[in-house]
Amino acid sequence: MSGRVLLIEDEKSLVLSLCDRLRSEGYEVDTARDGQSGYELALRERFDMILLDIRLPRRSGFDVCRDLRQQHVSVPILMLTARGQVADRVVGLKLGADDYLVKPFEPTELLARIEALLRRSSLRSWTVNSSVYEFGEIRVNRTLDEVSRCSEPLTLLPLEYRLLCYFIQHRRQTLSRDRLLDEVWGYDAMPLTRTVDVHVAGLRQKIESDPRHPRYLLTVHRRGYKFVG
């Protein structure tokens, strides 16, 4: 697999080692050494993947991620962090990151995650017969990759959209968190199955009239989630 990767990282030795490894695997790599430069480059150029450190000069990785999503940049973002606290990881996911990796990490694991995200981001297949699926006030147009409520567009994060599509494909099935991680994220992301919960909660905020008492995206106690739209 190949593609164009933007690496936003200020640790010089890590930049050199990652660039060498990624290029040896066939990726084209551009770099930025601070958050502001990386943000501007991501807006100006087209990339297939962004590797984003959290602790950066001029603008933090959290701010870069949030602002790119607000500018409707949907490219997969994998955050690199030396922080081990679950709260920091959850913040990144809520701001729109697709995945995270805690330093130090093995290059083989990074490559596996990049490949999984690239593979999932290019996946557009559906198992429903129609190009449009509707439930309640929500309309999903799989041809245009658009979601709307009462004809007003909804802004979903890329992973939220893929998650919704997968639920529609497997409606009325109870889906475990591990299965969702494998099929939607594309790799074995254990032990942080909290990743799924964060994105399900975000999706409910956008598609449910009352997220506290969901009608369509239900929790199945100790088993996972079920979509009944």
Foldseek 3Di string as FASTA:
>chain_A
DEWEEEEEAQPVVVVVVLCVVNVVVPYHYDYHNFLVVSLVCPVVDDTQEYEAEQDGPPDGSLRSLLVCVVVVSQRAYEYEYQDDDPVVQLSSVLSQHLYYDHPPDDPVVVVQQSVLSSVLLPDLDAPDPDQWDDDDQWIARSVVRWIAGVPHTDRAHSLLSLLVRVLVRVAPDQDALQNCCCPNSNDRPPPPSVSVVSSVLVNLVGPAPDSVDRDAWAADPPGHIHGHD
